[in-house]
Amino acid sequence: MMKPLKSIQDLEALKEAALDRIKERQVAGKTTIVVGMGTCGITAGAREVMMAIIDEVSKRNISDVIVSQAGCVGMCQHEPMLEVIKPGMPNVMYGHIDEEKARRLVLEHVVNGHVIEEWAIVQRD
């Protein structure tokens, strides 16, 4: 059972521990594609986007990509969304992705290392 939070410092410590756990899940040198699978994302087609990504990664025999899912990030108007975390590049959140765009993202961003600027809604280092 989690101990009760009594201060901002307790909250900060909990945040840091959670961020450390997230970093541990990311394997060094691998690209991670995180698909927003909150209710809003699923309603907008995130499940089909995720399946297209998994299929495209498999067809291209790409072994250094991890495909995972996240919940709602509060930008429901941009769903379906996904984030590409590629070592050596800024993290890029893409919005309004469909199956065709998902397949193109695998080729352009993951394989060729080119951000598709017109679909990017957030980029961060």
Foldseek 3Di string as FASTA:
>chain_A
DDDDDDDVVSVVVVVVVVVVVVVVVQDPQAKEKEWADAPLQVVLARVQLLVLLVVLCVVVVPDRYHYYYDYDPPPSVFHRKMWIDGPPAWIFIFGPDHSVNSNVCCVVCVVVNHDPVVGTDDTGD
